[in-house]
Amino acid sequence: MAGAYYSADVLEPGADWRLLVTERFLAAFGPATTVSTMSTLWRIAADETLGLDALIAAIPVRGVAAVDSYAIAALGRTMTFVVRGGGCADVSVAGRVRRVDARGSEPWYVAEITGVERFAVGPLQRSPGDLVQQPQDLPIDGGVVFGPWLGWSAESAVVPPPRSAPAPVQAPHQPALHTLDPNDTNVLGDLGRRAASLRRHRGEPPATAPTPETQSATAFRLGERAPERVDAPVYVGRQPRSPRVTGGVLPRLVRVESPSREVSATHIELRPTREGLLLTDLESTNGTVVRQPGTGVRRLESGECLPVVPGTLIDIGDGNVIEILAYR
């Protein structure tokens, strides 16, 4: 596909990442990724009947072939970036560069970003300045190559539209790139009152990460209400409604009180997946604050997704705190 390019710089032996390009996906996988794994991932990424979920599900997470670091970009009007371990994506929107990285999130970290002009995927050690394509960088239409990182620019790319759309997206105007803005990354800061409310709610989450036997999150509790199992998409807000096609599964709508209207009408989604429970901020006005076991407090960005495990606390505003549970 036009718009993709990679660096041909020679790294030390064994340090090159595996770079994958198709019409719908650009991805970088860590140096330990096997040829057999890359062959499987290439076939899935090139199959138009399969989506991002199928690609992620095919990445080995255990055994000798486990892939502990990667960064995947799913192209579209709104682009989805999935990162794990030592992988990251540097994304330019309106000339400002944001770094998307996992920061200890398990099993991976997801961000959905609109208006992407350029991006690069690869290891955390790379410089965000590499977003500017250099004359020595090599274009790639599709395939798998070795290299230190993989880039994409909308200047010459055709972004695949949603399947229902008749025409591709037009490339946006490219403003000048600036340096990395530390205030525009997913770096945790002091979240004040809402962080304090999470610490007061049922005490501190466990300091250690969950074990494989306890990490499956399939229920939640809102404040003092009785626990509820998550066996279908759950939408929480002041006046929630289902904003997505649910494939015939009837979603659950959970209404909360919000006297100061801190909570949006449909604030968050909790969606069960094969890998666990996925939390999504549905472009809420005042954001979603999360505290997971063994990590600090973080604020989800608008539209951001995050896998959650038992013990996670979610503050959506006005004192409404959701606790993620393992179903018994």
C-alpha atoms as a PDB file:
ATOM      1  CA  MET A   1       0.000   0.000   0.000  1.00  0.00           C
ATOM      2  CA  ALA A   2       1.256   3.491  -0.828  1.00  0.00           C
ATOM      3  CA  GLY A   3       2.183   5.473   2.270  1.00  0.00           C
ATOM      4  CA  ALA A   4       4.145   2.799   4.159  1.00  0.00           C
ATOM      5  CA  TYR A   5       7.918   2.940   4.501  1.00  0.00           C
ATOM      6  CA  TYR A   6      10.659   1.576   6.729  1.00  0.00           C
ATOM      7  CA  SER A   7      14.216   2.289   7.715  1.00  0.00           C
ATOM      8  CA  ALA A   8      16.926   0.159   6.139  1.00  0.00           C
ATOM      9  CA  ASP A   9      19.416   0.969   8.903  1.00  0.00           C
ATOM     10  CA  VAL A  10      21.425  -2.053   9.992  1.00  0.00           C
ATOM     11  CA  LEU A  11      21.091  -2.842  13.684  1.00  0.00           C
ATOM     12  CA  GLU A  12      23.177  -5.219  15.743  1.00  0.00           C
ATOM     13  CA  PRO A  13      22.642  -8.903  14.836  1.00  0.00           C
ATOM     14  CA  GLY A  14      19.278 -10.220  16.003  1.00  0.00           C
ATOM     15  CA  ALA A  15      17.887  -6.781  16.937  1.00  0.00           C
ATOM     16  CA  ASP A  16      15.742  -6.153  13.845  1.00  0.00           C
ATOM     17  CA  TRP A  17      11.976  -6.146  14.306  1.00  0.00           C
ATOM     18  CA  ARG A  18       9.646  -8.039  11.974  1.00  0.00           C
ATOM     19  CA  LEU A  19       7.627  -5.466  10.011  1.00  0.00           C
ATOM     20  CA  LEU A  20       4.314  -6.482   8.408  1.00  0.00           C
ATOM     21  CA  VAL A  21       2.344  -4.447   5.861  1.00  0.00           C
ATOM     22  CA  THR A  22      -1.034  -5.124   4.238  1.00  0.00           C
ATOM     23  CA  GLU A  23      -3.817  -2.884   2.939  1.00  0.00           C
ATOM     24  CA  ARG A  24      -5.467  -2.825   6.382  1.00  0.00           C
ATOM     25  CA  PHE A  25      -2.671  -3.368   8.907  1.00  0.00           C
ATOM     26  CA  LEU A  26       0.833  -2.162   9.653  1.00  0.00           C
ATOM     27  CA  ALA A  27       2.605  -3.972  12.481  1.00  0.00           C
ATOM     28  CA  ALA A  28       6.008  -4.399  14.095  1.00  0.00           C
ATOM     29  CA  PHE A  29       6.822  -7.534  16.110  1.00  0.00           C
ATOM     30  CA  GLY A  30       9.808  -8.025  18.411  1.00  0.00           C
ATOM     31  CA  PRO A  31      13.057  -9.658  17.250  1.00  0.00           C
ATOM     32  CA  ALA A  32      12.211 -12.975  18.937  1.00  0.00           C
ATOM     33  CA  THR A  33       9.119 -13.523  16.747  1.00  0.00           C
ATOM     34  CA  THR A  34       9.556 -16.734  14.757  1.00  0.00           C
ATOM     35  CA  VAL A  35       9.243 -17.119  10.997  1.00  0.00           C
ATOM     36  CA  SER A  36       6.364 -19.555  11.509  1.00  0.00           C
ATOM     37  CA  THR A  37       4.473 -16.994  13.606  1.00  0.00           C
ATOM     38  CA  MET A  38       5.039 -14.259  11.031  1.00  0.00           C
ATOM     39  CA  SER A  39       3.759 -16.545   8.283  1.00  0.00           C
ATOM     40  CA  THR A  40       0.539 -17.152  10.224  1.00  0.00           C
ATOM     41  CA  LEU A  41       0.066 -13.467  11.049  1.00  0.00           C
ATOM     42  CA  TRP A  42       0.650 -12.463   7.431  1.00  0.00           C
ATOM     43  CA  ARG A  43      -2.056 -14.826   6.181  1.00  0.00           C
ATOM     44  CA  ILE A  44      -4.547 -13.494   8.718  1.00  0.00           C
ATOM     45  CA  ALA A  45      -3.683  -9.831   8.096  1.00  0.00           C
ATOM     46  CA  ALA A  46      -4.062 -10.306   4.331  1.00  0.00           C
ATOM     47  CA  ASP A  47      -7.457 -12.042   4.652  1.00  0.00           C
ATOM     48  CA  GLU A  48     -10.152  -9.386   4.189  1.00  0.00           C
ATOM     49  CA  THR A  49     -12.720 -11.558   5.977  1.00  0.00           C
ATOM     50  CA  LEU A  50     -10.710 -11.434   9.224  1.00  0.00           C
ATOM     51  CA  GLY A  51     -10.346  -8.449  11.512  1.00  0.00           C
ATOM     52  CA  LEU A  52      -8.077  -7.078  14.221  1.00  0.00           C
ATOM     53  CA  ASP A  53      -9.475  -9.468  16.851  1.00  0.00           C
ATOM     54  CA  ALA A  54      -8.413 -12.472  14.774  1.00  0.00           C
ATOM     55  CA  LEU A  55      -4.922 -11.039  14.269  1.00  0.00           C
ATOM     56  CA  ILE A  56      -4.382 -10.423  17.991  1.00  0.00           C
ATOM     57  CA  ALA A  57      -5.814 -13.821  18.923  1.00  0.00           C
ATOM     58  CA  ALA A  58      -3.227 -15.516  16.663  1.00  0.00           C
ATOM     59  CA  ILE A  59      -0.231 -13.945  18.439  1.00  0.00           C
ATOM     60  CA  PRO A  60       1.353 -16.561  20.750  1.00  0.00           C
ATOM     61  CA  VAL A  61       1.467 -15.403  24.371  1.00  0.00           C
ATOM     62  CA  ARG A  62       2.930 -18.542  25.976  1.00  0.00           C
ATOM     63  CA  GLY A  63       5.657 -21.079  25.251  1.00  0.00           C
ATOM     64  CA  VAL A  64       8.862 -20.779  23.274  1.00  0.00           C
ATOM     65  CA  ALA A  65       7.114 -18.917  20.409  1.00  0.00           C
ATOM     66  CA  ALA A  66       5.562 -16.259  22.699  1.00  0.00           C
ATOM     67  CA  VAL A  67       5.640 -12.707  21.316  1.00  0.00           C
ATOM     68  CA  ASP A  68       6.153 -10.335  24.242  1.00  0.00           C
ATOM     69  CA  SER A  69       6.481  -7.085  22.273  1.00  0.00           C
ATOM     70  CA  TYR A  70       4.566  -5.687  19.318  1.00  0.00           C
ATOM     71  CA  ALA A  71       2.786  -2.632  17.930  1.00  0.00           C
ATOM     72  CA  ILE A  72      -0.127  -2.981  15.498  1.00  0.00           C
ATOM     73  CA  ALA A  73      -1.975  -0.255  13.583  1.00  0.00           C
ATOM     74  CA  ALA A  74      -5.370  -1.008  12.022  1.00  0.00           C
ATOM     75  CA  LEU A  75      -6.012   1.569   9.298  1.00  0.00           C
ATOM     76  CA  GLY A  76      -9.292   3.423   8.861  1.00  0.00           C
ATOM     77  CA  ARG A  77     -10.900   6.801   9.433  1.00  0.00           C
ATOM     78  CA  THR A  78     -10.367   6.097  13.113  1.00  0.00           C
ATOM     79  CA  MET A  79      -7.150   4.133  13.531  1.00  0.00           C
ATOM     80  CA  THR A  80      -6.716   1.523  16.238  1.00  0.00           C
ATOM     81  CA  PHE A  81      -3.294   0.994  17.803  1.00  0.00           C
ATOM     82  CA  VAL A  82      -2.574  -2.112  19.905  1.00  0.00           C
ATOM     83  CA  VAL A  83       0.751  -2.277  21.749  1.00  0.00           C
ATOM     84  CA  ARG A  84       2.360  -4.763  24.109  1.00  0.00           C
ATOM     85  CA  GLY A  85       5.602  -4.970  26.061  1.00  0.00           C
ATOM     86  CA  GLY A  86       8.434  -3.053  24.402  1.00  0.00           C
ATOM     87  CA  GLY A  87       6.371  -1.979  21.381  1.00  0.00           C
ATOM     88  CA  CYS A  88       5.029   1.518  20.835  1.00  0.00           C
ATOM     89  CA  ALA A  89       3.362   3.756  18.251  1.00  0.00           C
ATOM     90  CA  ASP A  90       4.240   7.428  17.706  1.00  0.00           C
ATOM     91  CA  VAL A  91       1.194   9.128  16.207  1.00  0.00           C
ATOM     92  CA  SER A  92       0.908  12.625  14.710  1.00  0.00           C
ATOM     93  CA  VAL A  93      -2.462  14.430  14.871  1.00  0.00           C
ATOM     94  CA  ALA A  94      -2.644  18.121  13.910  1.00  0.00           C
ATOM     95  CA  GLY A  95       1.139  18.283  13.959  1.00  0.00           C
ATOM     96  CA  ARG A  96       1.481  17.061  17.540  1.00  0.00           C
ATOM     97  CA  VAL A  97       3.074  13.708  18.320  1.00  0.00           C
ATOM     98  CA  ARG A  98       1.626  11.359  20.914  1.00  0.00           C
ATOM     99  CA  ARG A  99       3.386   8.189  22.022  1.00  0.00           C
ATOM    100  CA  VAL A 100       1.161   5.156  22.633  1.00  0.00           C
ATOM    101  CA  ASP A 101       2.835   2.480  24.733  1.00  0.00           C
ATOM    102  CA  ALA A 102       1.747  -0.321  27.035  1.00  0.00           C
ATOM    103  CA  ARG A 103       3.197   1.058  30.305  1.00  0.00           C
ATOM    104  CA  GLY A 104       2.711  -2.256  32.057  1.00  0.00           C
ATOM    105  CA  SER A 105      -0.839  -2.865  30.818  1.00  0.00           C
ATOM    106  CA  GLU A 106      -1.702  -6.539  30.369  1.00  0.00           C
ATOM    107  CA  PRO A 107      -2.286  -8.308  28.105  1.00  0.00           C
ATOM    108  CA  TRP A 108      -2.024  -5.268  25.805  1.00  0.00           C
ATOM    109  CA  TYR A 109      -2.956  -1.578  25.510  1.00  0.00           C
ATOM    110  CA  VAL A 110      -5.383  -0.153  22.922  1.00  0.00           C
ATOM    111  CA  ALA A 111      -5.932   3.402  21.650  1.00  0.00           C
ATOM    112  CA  GLU A 112      -8.374   4.584  18.974  1.00  0.00           C
ATOM    113  CA  ILE A 113      -7.285   7.861  17.336  1.00  0.00           C
ATOM    114  CA  THR A 114      -9.020   9.986  14.675  1.00  0.00           C
ATOM    115  CA  GLY A 115      -7.317  12.409  12.298  1.00  0.00           C
ATOM    116  CA  VAL A 116      -3.997  10.559  12.101  1.00  0.00           C
ATOM    117  CA  GLU A 117      -1.549  12.189   9.678  1.00  0.00           C
ATOM    118  CA  ARG A 118       1.525  10.039  10.243  1.00  0.00           C
ATOM    119  CA  PHE A 119       2.646   7.302  12.564  1.00  0.00           C
ATOM    120  CA  ALA A 120       5.485   4.888  13.168  1.00  0.00           C
ATOM    121  CA  VAL A 121       5.434   1.556  15.001  1.00  0.00           C
ATOM    122  CA  GLY A 122       8.411  -0.204  16.535  1.00  0.00           C
ATOM    123  CA  PRO A 123      10.402  -0.478  19.768  1.00  0.00           C
ATOM    124  CA  LEU A 124      10.226   1.987  22.649  1.00  0.00           C
ATOM    125  CA  GLN A 125      13.864   2.948  22.079  1.00  0.00           C
ATOM    126  CA  ARG A 126      13.121   4.660  18.774  1.00  0.00           C
ATOM    127  CA  SER A 127      13.026   8.441  18.462  1.00  0.00           C
ATOM    128  CA  PRO A 128       9.694  10.197  17.728  1.00  0.00           C
ATOM    129  CA  GLY A 129      11.679  12.358  15.305  1.00  0.00           C
ATOM    130  CA  ASP A 130      11.722   9.373  12.958  1.00  0.00           C
ATOM    131  CA  LEU A 131       8.162  10.322  11.930  1.00  0.00           C
ATOM    132  CA  VAL A 132       9.702  12.562   9.299  1.00  0.00           C
ATOM    133  CA  GLN A 133      10.351  10.335   6.300  1.00  0.00           C
ATOM    134  CA  GLN A 134      13.965  10.484   5.119  1.00  0.00           C
ATOM    135  CA  PRO A 135      15.228  10.073   1.520  1.00  0.00           C
ATOM    136  CA  GLN A 136      16.994   6.831   2.450  1.00  0.00           C
ATOM    137  CA  ASP A 137      13.831   5.226   3.866  1.00  0.00           C
ATOM    138  CA  LEU A 138      12.375   2.479   1.679  1.00  0.00           C
ATOM    139  CA  PRO A 139       8.737   2.289   0.529  1.00  0.00           C
ATOM    140  CA  ILE A 140       6.852  -0.969   0.996  1.00  0.00           C
ATOM    141  CA  ASP A 141       3.564  -1.896  -0.686  1.00  0.00           C
ATOM    142  CA  GLY A 142       3.031  -5.109   1.267  1.00  0.00           C
ATOM    143  CA  GLY A 143       4.836  -8.052   2.779  1.00  0.00           C
ATOM    144  CA  VAL A 144       7.171  -8.793   5.685  1.00  0.00           C
ATOM    145  CA  VAL A 145      10.632  -7.231   6.069  1.00  0.00           C
ATOM    146  CA  PHE A 146      13.215  -6.802   8.824  1.00  0.00           C
ATOM    147  CA  GLY A 147      14.075  -3.353  10.127  1.00  0.00           C
ATOM    148  CA  PRO A 148      14.215  -1.063  13.178  1.00  0.00           C
ATOM    149  CA  TRP A 149      10.750   0.500  12.686  1.00  0.00           C
ATOM    150  CA  LEU A 150       7.866   0.944  10.231  1.00  0.00           C
ATOM    151  CA  GLY A 151       6.273   4.266   9.241  1.00  0.00           C
ATOM    152  CA  TRP A 152       3.135   5.508   7.485  1.00  0.00           C
ATOM    153  CA  SER A 153       2.142   8.886   6.055  1.00  0.00           C
ATOM    154  CA  ALA A 154      -1.263  10.042   4.808  1.00  0.00           C
ATOM    155  CA  GLU A 155       0.389  12.230   2.171  1.00  0.00           C
ATOM    156  CA  SER A 156       0.523   9.397  -0.333  1.00  0.00           C
ATOM    157  CA  ALA A 157      -1.669   6.786   1.300  1.00  0.00           C
ATOM    158  CA  VAL A 158      -5.215   5.665   0.595  1.00  0.00           C
ATOM    159  CA  VAL A 159      -6.835   4.752   3.904  1.00  0.00           C
ATOM    160  CA  PRO A 160      -9.293   1.862   3.519  1.00  0.00           C
ATOM    161  CA  PRO A 161     -12.804   3.079   4.386  1.00  0.00           C
ATOM    162  CA  PRO A 162     -15.303   1.127   6.478  1.00  0.00           C
ATOM    163  CA  ARG A 163     -16.824  -1.650   4.368  1.00  0.00           C
ATOM    164  CA  SER A 164     -20.100   0.239   4.100  1.00  0.00           C
ATOM    165  CA  ALA A 165     -18.433   3.380   2.713  1.00  0.00           C
ATOM    166  CA  PRO A 166     -18.230   3.805  -1.075  1.00  0.00           C
ATOM    167  CA  ALA A 167     -15.035   5.851  -1.278  1.00  0.00           C
ATOM    168  CA  PRO A 168     -11.645   6.056   0.456  1.00  0.00           C
ATOM    169  CA  VAL A 169     -10.722   8.820   2.849  1.00  0.00           C
ATOM    170  CA  GLN A 170      -8.974  11.834   1.357  1.00  0.00           C
ATOM    171  CA  ALA A 171      -5.540  12.563   2.778  1.00  0.00           C
ATOM    172  CA  PRO A 172      -5.705  15.542   5.182  1.00  0.00           C
ATOM    173  CA  HIS A 173      -3.564  18.665   4.966  1.00  0.00           C
ATOM    174  CA  GLN A 174      -0.187  18.129   6.634  1.00  0.00           C
ATOM    175  CA  PRO A 175       0.821  20.834   9.136  1.00  0.00           C
ATOM    176  CA  ALA A 176       4.421  21.071  10.241  1.00  0.00           C
ATOM    177  CA  LEU A 177       5.489  18.442  12.759  1.00  0.00           C
ATOM    178  CA  HIS A 178       6.547  19.596  16.203  1.00  0.00           C
ATOM    179  CA  THR A 179       8.536  17.801  18.839  1.00  0.00           C
ATOM    180  CA  LEU A 180       7.000  15.245  21.167  1.00  0.00           C
ATOM    181  CA  ASP A 181       4.603  16.985  23.564  1.00  0.00           C
ATOM    182  CA  PRO A 182       4.968  15.317  27.001  1.00  0.00           C
ATOM    183  CA  ASN A 183       1.519  16.618  27.961  1.00  0.00           C
ATOM    184  CA  ASP A 184      -0.069  14.811  25.001  1.00  0.00           C
ATOM    185  CA  THR A 185       1.112  11.295  25.876  1.00  0.00           C
ATOM    186  CA  ASN A 186      -0.442   8.706  28.127  1.00  0.00           C
ATOM    187  CA  VAL A 187       1.852   9.693  31.027  1.00  0.00           C
ATOM    188  CA  LEU A 188       0.144   9.517  34.431  1.00  0.00           C
ATOM    189  CA  GLY A 189      -0.043  12.668  36.494  1.00  0.00           C
ATOM    190  CA  ASP A 190      -1.794  13.903  39.623  1.00  0.00           C
ATOM    191  CA  LEU A 191      -5.496  13.230  39.042  1.00  0.00           C
ATOM    192  CA  GLY A 192      -6.510  14.908  42.288  1.00  0.00           C
ATOM    193  CA  ARG A 193      -9.952  14.305  43.724  1.00  0.00           C
ATOM    194  CA  ARG A 194     -10.917  11.350  41.555  1.00  0.00           C
ATOM    195  CA  ALA A 195      -7.650   9.517  42.269  1.00  0.00           C
ATOM    196  CA  ALA A 196      -8.298  10.029  45.976  1.00  0.00           C
ATOM    197  CA  SER A 197     -11.830   8.651  45.618  1.00  0.00           C
ATOM    198  CA  LEU A 198     -10.421   5.439  44.138  1.00  0.00           C
ATOM    199  CA  ARG A 199      -8.042   5.008  47.071  1.00  0.00           C
ATOM    200  CA  ARG A 200     -10.933   5.406  49.525  1.00  0.00           C
ATOM    201  CA  HIS A 201     -13.176   2.916  47.716  1.00  0.00           C
ATOM    202  CA  ARG A 202     -12.828  -0.486  49.410  1.00  0.00           C
ATOM    203  CA  GLY A 203      -9.188   0.266  50.195  1.00  0.00           C
ATOM    204  CA  GLU A 204      -6.199  -0.084  47.907  1.00  0.00           C
ATOM    205  CA  PRO A 205      -6.238  -2.711  45.120  1.00  0.00           C
ATOM    206  CA  PRO A 206      -3.743  -5.556  45.686  1.00  0.00           C
ATOM    207  CA  ALA A 207      -0.154  -4.459  45.081  1.00  0.00           C
ATOM    208  CA  THR A 208       0.678  -7.595  43.106  1.00  0.00           C
ATOM    209  CA  ALA A 209      -0.516  -8.450  39.629  1.00  0.00           C
ATOM    210  CA  PRO A 210      -3.270 -11.095  39.337  1.00  0.00           C
ATOM    211  CA  THR A 211      -2.330 -14.712  38.714  1.00  0.00           C
ATOM    212  CA  PRO A 212      -3.569 -16.615  35.630  1.00  0.00           C
ATOM    213  CA  GLU A 213      -6.120 -18.327  37.891  1.00  0.00           C
ATOM    214  CA  THR A 214      -7.657 -15.019  39.044  1.00  0.00           C
ATOM    215  CA  GLN A 215      -7.141 -12.676  36.124  1.00  0.00           C
ATOM    216  CA  SER A 216     -10.408 -13.454  34.290  1.00  0.00           C
ATOM    217  CA  ALA A 217     -12.733 -10.473  34.822  1.00  0.00           C
ATOM    218  CA  THR A 218     -16.362 -11.378  34.178  1.00  0.00           C
ATOM    219  CA  ALA A 219     -18.363  -9.289  36.667  1.00  0.00           C
ATOM    220  CA  PHE A 220     -18.601  -5.783  38.092  1.00  0.00           C
ATOM    221  CA  ARG A 221     -20.073  -3.969  41.066  1.00  0.00           C
ATOM    222  CA  LEU A 222     -21.233  -0.344  40.930  1.00  0.00           C
ATOM    223  CA  GLY A 223     -20.868   1.287  44.340  1.00  0.00           C
ATOM    224  CA  GLU A 224     -22.902  -0.660  46.887  1.00  0.00           C
ATOM    225  CA  ARG A 225     -25.098  -2.410  44.313  1.00  0.00           C
ATOM    226  CA  ALA A 226     -25.077  -6.177  43.965  1.00  0.00           C
ATOM    227  CA  PRO A 227     -22.443  -7.654  41.615  1.00  0.00           C
ATOM    228  CA  GLU A 228     -23.531  -8.192  38.011  1.00  0.00           C
ATOM    229  CA  ARG A 229     -22.061 -10.666  35.556  1.00  0.00           C
ATOM    230  CA  VAL A 230     -20.730  -9.356  32.228  1.00  0.00           C
ATOM    231  CA  ASP A 231     -21.976 -11.851  29.626  1.00  0.00           C
ATOM    232  CA  ALA A 232     -22.952  -9.159  27.092  1.00  0.00           C
ATOM    233  CA  PRO A 233     -21.789  -5.596  26.370  1.00  0.00           C
ATOM    234  CA  VAL A 234     -22.576  -3.258  29.279  1.00  0.00           C
ATOM    235  CA  TYR A 235     -23.088   0.493  28.762  1.00  0.00           C
ATOM    236  CA  VAL A 236     -22.927   2.774  31.805  1.00  0.00           C
ATOM    237  CA  GLY A 237     -23.984   6.428  31.944  1.00  0.00           C
ATOM    238  CA  ARG A 238     -26.620   8.993  32.965  1.00  0.00           C
ATOM    239  CA  GLN A 239     -28.993   7.892  30.198  1.00  0.00           C
ATOM    240  CA  PRO A 240     -27.162   5.038  28.498  1.00  0.00           C
ATOM    241  CA  ARG A 241     -27.965   3.584  25.118  1.00  0.00           C
ATOM    242  CA  SER A 242     -26.158   1.119  22.900  1.00  0.00           C
ATOM    243  CA  PRO A 243     -24.012   3.113  20.434  1.00  0.00           C
ATOM    244  CA  ARG A 244     -22.709   0.046  18.562  1.00  0.00           C
ATOM    245  CA  VAL A 245     -24.048  -2.854  16.565  1.00  0.00           C
ATOM    246  CA  THR A 246     -24.062  -5.764  18.992  1.00  0.00           C
ATOM    247  CA  GLY A 247     -24.446  -8.666  16.559  1.00  0.00           C
ATOM    248  CA  GLY A 248     -27.761  -9.842  17.965  1.00  0.00           C
ATOM    249  CA  VAL A 249     -26.587  -9.852  21.604  1.00  0.00           C
ATOM    250  CA  LEU A 250     -28.849  -7.717  23.778  1.00  0.00           C
ATOM    251  CA  PRO A 251     -26.643  -5.186  25.652  1.00  0.00           C
ATOM    252  CA  ARG A 252     -27.189  -4.216  29.282  1.00  0.00           C
ATOM    253  CA  LEU A 253     -27.798  -0.540  30.077  1.00  0.00           C
ATOM    254  CA  VAL A 254     -26.755   0.633  33.555  1.00  0.00           C
ATOM    255  CA  ARG A 255     -27.994   4.052  34.643  1.00  0.00           C
ATOM    256  CA  VAL A 256     -26.193   6.083  37.334  1.00  0.00           C
ATOM    257  CA  GLU A 257     -27.055   9.301  39.152  1.00  0.00           C
ATOM    258  CA  SER A 258     -24.942  12.329  38.251  1.00  0.00           C
ATOM    259  CA  PRO A 259     -26.274  15.535  39.859  1.00  0.00           C
ATOM    260  CA  SER A 260     -23.402  17.665  38.526  1.00  0.00           C
ATOM    261  CA  ARG A 261     -23.495  15.904  35.117  1.00  0.00           C
ATOM    262  CA  GLU A 262     -19.882  14.750  35.369  1.00  0.00           C
ATOM    263  CA  VAL A 263     -21.032  11.433  33.898  1.00  0.00           C
ATOM    264  CA  SER A 264     -21.815  11.436  30.181  1.00  0.00           C
ATOM    265  CA  ALA A 265     -25.090  10.040  28.841  1.00  0.00           C
ATOM    266  CA  THR A 266     -23.282   6.881  27.680  1.00  0.00           C
ATOM    267  CA  HIS A 267     -19.920   7.077  29.442  1.00  0.00           C
ATOM    268  CA  ILE A 268     -18.202   3.684  29.178  1.00  0.00           C
ATOM    269  CA  GLU A 269     -18.557   0.235  27.677  1.00  0.00           C
ATOM    270  CA  LEU A 270     -17.560  -3.040  29.343  1.00  0.00           C
ATOM    271  CA  ARG A 271     -17.271  -5.733  26.668  1.00  0.00           C
ATOM    272  CA  PRO A 272     -16.444  -9.413  27.249  1.00  0.00           C
ATOM    273  CA  THR A 273     -13.869 -10.854  24.829  1.00  0.00           C
ATOM    274  CA  ARG A 274     -12.010 -14.142  24.564  1.00  0.00           C
ATOM    275  CA  GLU A 275      -8.986 -12.492  26.181  1.00  0.00           C
ATOM    276  CA  GLY A 276     -10.961 -10.951  29.067  1.00  0.00           C
ATOM    277  CA  LEU A 277     -12.937  -7.808  29.823  1.00  0.00           C
ATOM    278  CA  LEU A 278     -12.336  -4.677  27.730  1.00  0.00           C
ATOM    279  CA  LEU A 279     -13.129  -1.191  29.059  1.00  0.00           C
ATOM    280  CA  THR A 280     -13.751   1.627  26.545  1.00  0.00           C
ATOM    281  CA  ASP A 281     -14.258   5.316  27.263  1.00  0.00           C
ATOM    282  CA  LEU A 282     -17.037   6.305  24.825  1.00  0.00           C
ATOM    283  CA  GLU A 283     -15.708   9.812  24.161  1.00  0.00           C
ATOM    284  CA  SER A 284     -16.940  10.985  27.556  1.00  0.00           C
ATOM    285  CA  THR A 285     -16.832  14.692  28.414  1.00  0.00           C
ATOM    286  CA  ASN A 286     -14.988  14.425  31.738  1.00  0.00           C
ATOM    287  CA  GLY A 287     -13.001  11.260  31.155  1.00  0.00           C
ATOM    288  CA  THR A 288     -12.614   7.943  32.954  1.00  0.00           C
ATOM    289  CA  VAL A 289     -10.094   7.363  35.756  1.00  0.00           C
ATOM    290  CA  VAL A 290      -8.782   3.825  36.324  1.00  0.00           C
ATOM    291  CA  ARG A 291      -6.681   2.151  39.000  1.00  0.00           C
ATOM    292  CA  GLN A 292      -5.532  -1.411  38.308  1.00  0.00           C
ATOM    293  CA  PRO A 293      -3.847  -3.866  40.697  1.00  0.00           C
ATOM    294  CA  GLY A 294      -0.117  -3.258  40.908  1.00  0.00           C
ATOM    295  CA  THR A 295      -0.237   0.005  38.891  1.00  0.00           C
ATOM    296  CA  GLY A 296      -0.912   3.677  39.463  1.00  0.00           C
ATOM    297  CA  VAL A 297      -3.919   5.765  38.554  1.00  0.00           C
ATOM    298  CA  ARG A 298      -4.468   6.667  34.913  1.00  0.00           C
ATOM    299  CA  ARG A 299      -7.001   8.697  32.973  1.00  0.00           C
ATOM    300  CA  LEU A 300      -8.280   7.105  29.778  1.00  0.00           C
ATOM    301  CA  GLU A 301      -8.267   9.365  26.766  1.00  0.00           C
ATOM    302  CA  SER A 302     -11.427   9.880  24.744  1.00  0.00           C
ATOM    303  CA  GLY A 303     -12.240   6.650  22.897  1.00  0.00           C
ATOM    304  CA  GLU A 304      -9.410   4.721  24.562  1.00  0.00           C
ATOM    305  CA  CYS A 305      -9.706   0.989  25.317  1.00  0.00           C
ATOM    306  CA  LEU A 306      -8.040  -0.902  28.155  1.00  0.00           C
ATOM    307  CA  PRO A 307      -8.144  -4.583  29.220  1.00  0.00           C
ATOM    308  CA  VAL A 308      -9.161  -4.773  32.896  1.00  0.00           C
ATOM    309  CA  VAL A 309      -8.653  -7.465  35.520  1.00  0.00           C
ATOM    310  CA  PRO A 310     -10.315  -8.217  38.871  1.00  0.00           C
ATOM    311  CA  GLY A 311      -9.493  -5.562  41.444  1.00  0.00           C
ATOM    312  CA  THR A 312      -9.619  -2.717  38.914  1.00  0.00           C
ATOM    313  CA  LEU A 313     -11.479   0.415  40.076  1.00  0.00           C
ATOM    314  CA  ILE A 314     -13.121   2.726  37.523  1.00  0.00           C
ATOM    315  CA  ASP A 315     -14.260   6.263  38.442  1.00  0.00           C
ATOM    316  CA  ILE A 316     -16.662   7.796  35.886  1.00  0.00           C
ATOM    317  CA  GLY A 317     -17.485  10.862  37.984  1.00  0.00           C
ATOM    318  CA  ASP A 318     -19.891  12.120  40.660  1.00  0.00           C
ATOM    319  CA  GLY A 319     -18.723   9.397  43.041  1.00  0.00           C
ATOM    320  CA  ASN A 320     -19.703   6.540  40.727  1.00  0.00           C
ATOM    321  CA  VAL A 321     -16.979   3.903  41.132  1.00  0.00           C
ATOM    322  CA  ILE A 322     -17.136   0.533  39.365  1.00  0.00           C
ATOM    323  CA  GLU A 323     -15.194  -2.424  40.760  1.00  0.00           C
ATOM    324  CA  ILE A 324     -14.204  -5.241  38.382  1.00  0.00           C
ATOM    325  CA  LEU A 325     -14.703  -8.719  39.839  1.00  0.00           C
ATOM    326  CA  ALA A 326     -14.063 -12.340  38.975  1.00  0.00           C
ATOM    327  CA  TYR A 327     -17.391 -14.167  38.653  1.00  0.00           C
ATOM    328  CA  ARG A 328     -17.855 -16.954  41.182  1.00  0.00           C
END
